[in-house]
Amino acid sequence: AVDGPPAENETDSLEEGGQQGEANANGLVCPPDVDPDVFNALPEDMQREVVEQARATADVASQLGAGSSLDPEALAALPEEMRREVIEQEQRERRLEEQQPPADPANA
């Protein structure tokens, strides 16, 4: 082992697996909200779970409206039917709020 800073080519190979958007040694890409160093230190099966959870969360987030107050990560953990019910309930509540006239402070 040589003490001192790593050689230039060693630094490149260390950074390669740690960059966002690049596949690591297991062929998995670290999700954007996860620290690459922590992700790459996990066993492969846990890395796969993290990637699957991130994908499920992104899928749910794409189903939600822009003004949704629901947490996509929490919804992704629910069974599909329950998730659909929660999203539909929020949409119904939002439509009702939009149909009601704004409150008149003079009537308070």
C-alpha atoms as a PDB file:
ATOM      1  CA  ALA A   1       0.000   0.000   0.000  1.00  0.00           C
ATOM      2  CA  VAL A   2       1.301   3.399  -0.929  1.00  0.00           C
ATOM      3  CA  ASP A   3       0.569   6.304   1.413  1.00  0.00           C
ATOM      4  CA  GLY A   4      -0.455   9.654   0.012  1.00  0.00           C
ATOM      5  CA  PRO A   5      -3.144  10.813  -2.380  1.00  0.00           C
ATOM      6  CA  PRO A   6      -4.454   8.262  -4.873  1.00  0.00           C
ATOM      7  CA  ALA A   7      -3.084   8.369  -8.379  1.00  0.00           C
ATOM      8  CA  GLU A   8      -5.204  10.190 -10.944  1.00  0.00           C
ATOM      9  CA  ASN A   9      -6.603   6.997 -12.498  1.00  0.00           C
ATOM     10  CA  GLU A  10      -7.484   5.627  -9.029  1.00  0.00           C
ATOM     11  CA  THR A  11      -9.501   8.764  -8.236  1.00  0.00           C
ATOM     12  CA  ASP A  12     -11.406   8.435 -11.511  1.00  0.00           C
ATOM     13  CA  SER A  13     -12.375   4.834 -10.791  1.00  0.00           C
ATOM     14  CA  LEU A  14     -13.484   5.696  -7.241  1.00  0.00           C
ATOM     15  CA  GLU A  15     -15.692   8.543  -8.449  1.00  0.00           C
ATOM     16  CA  GLU A  16     -17.185   6.557 -11.305  1.00  0.00           C
ATOM     17  CA  GLY A  17     -19.421   4.385  -9.114  1.00  0.00           C
ATOM     18  CA  GLY A  18     -20.292   7.252  -6.782  1.00  0.00           C
ATOM     19  CA  GLN A  19     -21.709   9.718  -9.293  1.00  0.00           C
ATOM     20  CA  GLN A  20     -25.457  10.281  -9.547  1.00  0.00           C
ATOM     21  CA  GLY A  21     -26.954   8.774 -12.685  1.00  0.00           C
ATOM     22  CA  GLU A  22     -24.197   6.225 -13.277  1.00  0.00           C
ATOM     23  CA  ALA A  23     -24.550   2.501 -12.639  1.00  0.00           C
ATOM     24  CA  ASN A  24     -22.383   1.096  -9.842  1.00  0.00           C
ATOM     25  CA  ALA A  25     -20.580  -2.270  -9.797  1.00  0.00           C
ATOM     26  CA  ASN A  26     -23.952  -4.033  -9.332  1.00  0.00           C
ATOM     27  CA  GLY A  27     -25.435  -2.268 -12.361  1.00  0.00           C
ATOM     28  CA  LEU A  28     -27.712  -0.128 -10.171  1.00  0.00           C
ATOM     29  CA  VAL A  29     -28.110   3.644 -10.311  1.00  0.00           C
ATOM     30  CA  CYS A  30     -28.284   5.509  -7.010  1.00  0.00           C
ATOM     31  CA  PRO A  31     -31.607   7.394  -6.631  1.00  0.00           C
ATOM     32  CA  PRO A  32     -31.223  11.208  -6.608  1.00  0.00           C
ATOM     33  CA  ASP A  33     -32.287  11.636  -2.958  1.00  0.00           C
ATOM     34  CA  VAL A  34     -29.811   9.051  -1.618  1.00  0.00           C
ATOM     35  CA  ASP A  35     -26.165   9.671  -0.770  1.00  0.00           C
ATOM     36  CA  PRO A  36     -24.116   7.706  -3.363  1.00  0.00           C
ATOM     37  CA  ASP A  37     -21.459   6.688  -0.822  1.00  0.00           C
ATOM     38  CA  VAL A  38     -24.077   5.269   1.536  1.00  0.00           C
ATOM     39  CA  PHE A  39     -25.922   3.586  -1.364  1.00  0.00           C
ATOM     40  CA  ASN A  40     -22.761   1.915  -2.676  1.00  0.00           C
ATOM     41  CA  ALA A  41     -21.852   0.698   0.824  1.00  0.00           C
ATOM     42  CA  LEU A  42     -25.141  -1.247   1.075  1.00  0.00           C
ATOM     43  CA  PRO A  43     -25.358  -4.922   0.118  1.00  0.00           C
ATOM     44  CA  GLU A  44     -26.743  -5.507  -3.379  1.00  0.00           C
ATOM     45  CA  ASP A  45     -30.151  -6.739  -2.188  1.00  0.00           C
ATOM     46  CA  MET A  46     -30.630  -3.583  -0.101  1.00  0.00           C
ATOM     47  CA  GLN A  47     -29.513  -1.417  -3.037  1.00  0.00           C
ATOM     48  CA  ARG A  48     -32.209  -3.105  -5.138  1.00  0.00           C
ATOM     49  CA  GLU A  49     -34.823  -2.381  -2.450  1.00  0.00           C
ATOM     50  CA  VAL A  50     -33.790   1.294  -2.326  1.00  0.00           C
ATOM     51  CA  VAL A  51     -34.026   1.567  -6.124  1.00  0.00           C
ATOM     52  CA  GLU A  52     -37.436  -0.175  -6.194  1.00  0.00           C
ATOM     53  CA  GLN A  53     -38.788   2.083  -3.427  1.00  0.00           C
ATOM     54  CA  ALA A  54     -37.509   5.211  -5.208  1.00  0.00           C
ATOM     55  CA  ARG A  55     -39.136   4.040  -8.456  1.00  0.00           C
ATOM     56  CA  ALA A  56     -42.466   3.320  -6.705  1.00  0.00           C
ATOM     57  CA  THR A  57     -42.375   6.733  -5.012  1.00  0.00           C
ATOM     58  CA  ALA A  58     -41.691   8.467  -8.341  1.00  0.00           C
ATOM     59  CA  ASP A  59     -44.571   6.565  -9.977  1.00  0.00           C
ATOM     60  CA  VAL A  60     -46.974   7.632  -7.219  1.00  0.00           C
ATOM     61  CA  ALA A  61     -45.719  11.228  -7.325  1.00  0.00           C
ATOM     62  CA  SER A  62     -46.515  11.339 -11.047  1.00  0.00           C
ATOM     63  CA  GLN A  63     -50.122  10.284 -10.264  1.00  0.00           C
ATOM     64  CA  LEU A  64     -50.634  13.122  -7.769  1.00  0.00           C
ATOM     65  CA  GLY A  65     -51.778  16.578  -8.774  1.00  0.00           C
ATOM     66  CA  ALA A  66     -49.480  19.564  -8.393  1.00  0.00           C
ATOM     67  CA  GLY A  67     -51.281  20.843  -5.287  1.00  0.00           C
ATOM     68  CA  SER A  68     -51.427  17.491  -3.518  1.00  0.00           C
ATOM     69  CA  SER A  69     -50.587  17.422   0.172  1.00  0.00           C
ATOM     70  CA  LEU A  70     -50.122  13.634   0.127  1.00  0.00           C
ATOM     71  CA  ASP A  71     -46.709  12.088   0.748  1.00  0.00           C
ATOM     72  CA  PRO A  72     -45.716   9.997  -2.308  1.00  0.00           C
ATOM     73  CA  GLU A  73     -43.348   7.834  -0.242  1.00  0.00           C
ATOM     74  CA  ALA A  74     -46.056   6.954   2.287  1.00  0.00           C
ATOM     75  CA  LEU A  75     -48.551   6.278  -0.517  1.00  0.00           C
ATOM     76  CA  ALA A  76     -46.088   4.012  -2.321  1.00  0.00           C
ATOM     77  CA  ALA A  77     -45.974   1.800   0.780  1.00  0.00           C
ATOM     78  CA  LEU A  78     -49.760   1.253   0.685  1.00  0.00           C
ATOM     79  CA  PRO A  79     -51.491  -1.531  -1.228  1.00  0.00           C
ATOM     80  CA  GLU A  80     -52.597  -0.380  -4.713  1.00  0.00           C
ATOM     81  CA  GLU A  81     -56.336  -0.317  -3.945  1.00  0.00           C
ATOM     82  CA  MET A  82     -55.882   1.686  -0.742  1.00  0.00           C
ATOM     83  CA  ARG A  83     -53.503   4.101  -2.496  1.00  0.00           C
ATOM     84  CA  ARG A  84     -56.088   4.697  -5.224  1.00  0.00           C
ATOM     85  CA  GLU A  85     -58.815   5.349  -2.606  1.00  0.00           C
ATOM     86  CA  VAL A  86     -56.657   7.890  -0.754  1.00  0.00           C
ATOM     87  CA  ILE A  87     -55.787   9.753  -3.972  1.00  0.00           C
ATOM     88  CA  GLU A  88     -59.434   9.775  -5.117  1.00  0.00           C
ATOM     89  CA  GLN A  89     -60.578  11.055  -1.706  1.00  0.00           C
ATOM     90  CA  GLU A  90     -58.117  13.939  -1.836  1.00  0.00           C
ATOM     91  CA  GLN A  91     -59.227  14.791  -5.388  1.00  0.00           C
ATOM     92  CA  ARG A  92     -62.905  14.827  -4.313  1.00  0.00           C
ATOM     93  CA  GLU A  93     -62.097  17.117  -1.371  1.00  0.00           C
ATOM     94  CA  ARG A  94     -60.157  19.477  -3.628  1.00  0.00           C
ATOM     95  CA  ARG A  95     -63.011  19.655  -6.146  1.00  0.00           C
ATOM     96  CA  LEU A  96     -65.467  20.480  -3.333  1.00  0.00           C
ATOM     97  CA  GLU A  97     -63.203  23.257  -2.058  1.00  0.00           C
ATOM     98  CA  GLU A  98     -62.924  24.714  -5.572  1.00  0.00           C
ATOM     99  CA  GLN A  99     -66.725  24.739  -5.991  1.00  0.00           C
ATOM    100  CA  GLN A 100     -67.404  26.607  -2.763  1.00  0.00           C
ATOM    101  CA  PRO A 101     -67.387  30.395  -3.003  1.00  0.00           C
ATOM    102  CA  PRO A 102     -64.584  32.127  -1.100  1.00  0.00           C
ATOM    103  CA  ALA A 103     -65.441  33.058   2.477  1.00  0.00           C
ATOM    104  CA  ASP A 104     -66.661  36.631   2.919  1.00  0.00           C
ATOM    105  CA  PRO A 105     -64.894  38.226   5.921  1.00  0.00           C
ATOM    106  CA  ALA A 106     -67.839  40.643   6.341  1.00  0.00           C
ATOM    107  CA  ASN A 107     -70.039  37.693   7.320  1.00  0.00           C
ATOM    108  CA  ALA A 108     -67.678  36.444  10.034  1.00  0.00           C
END
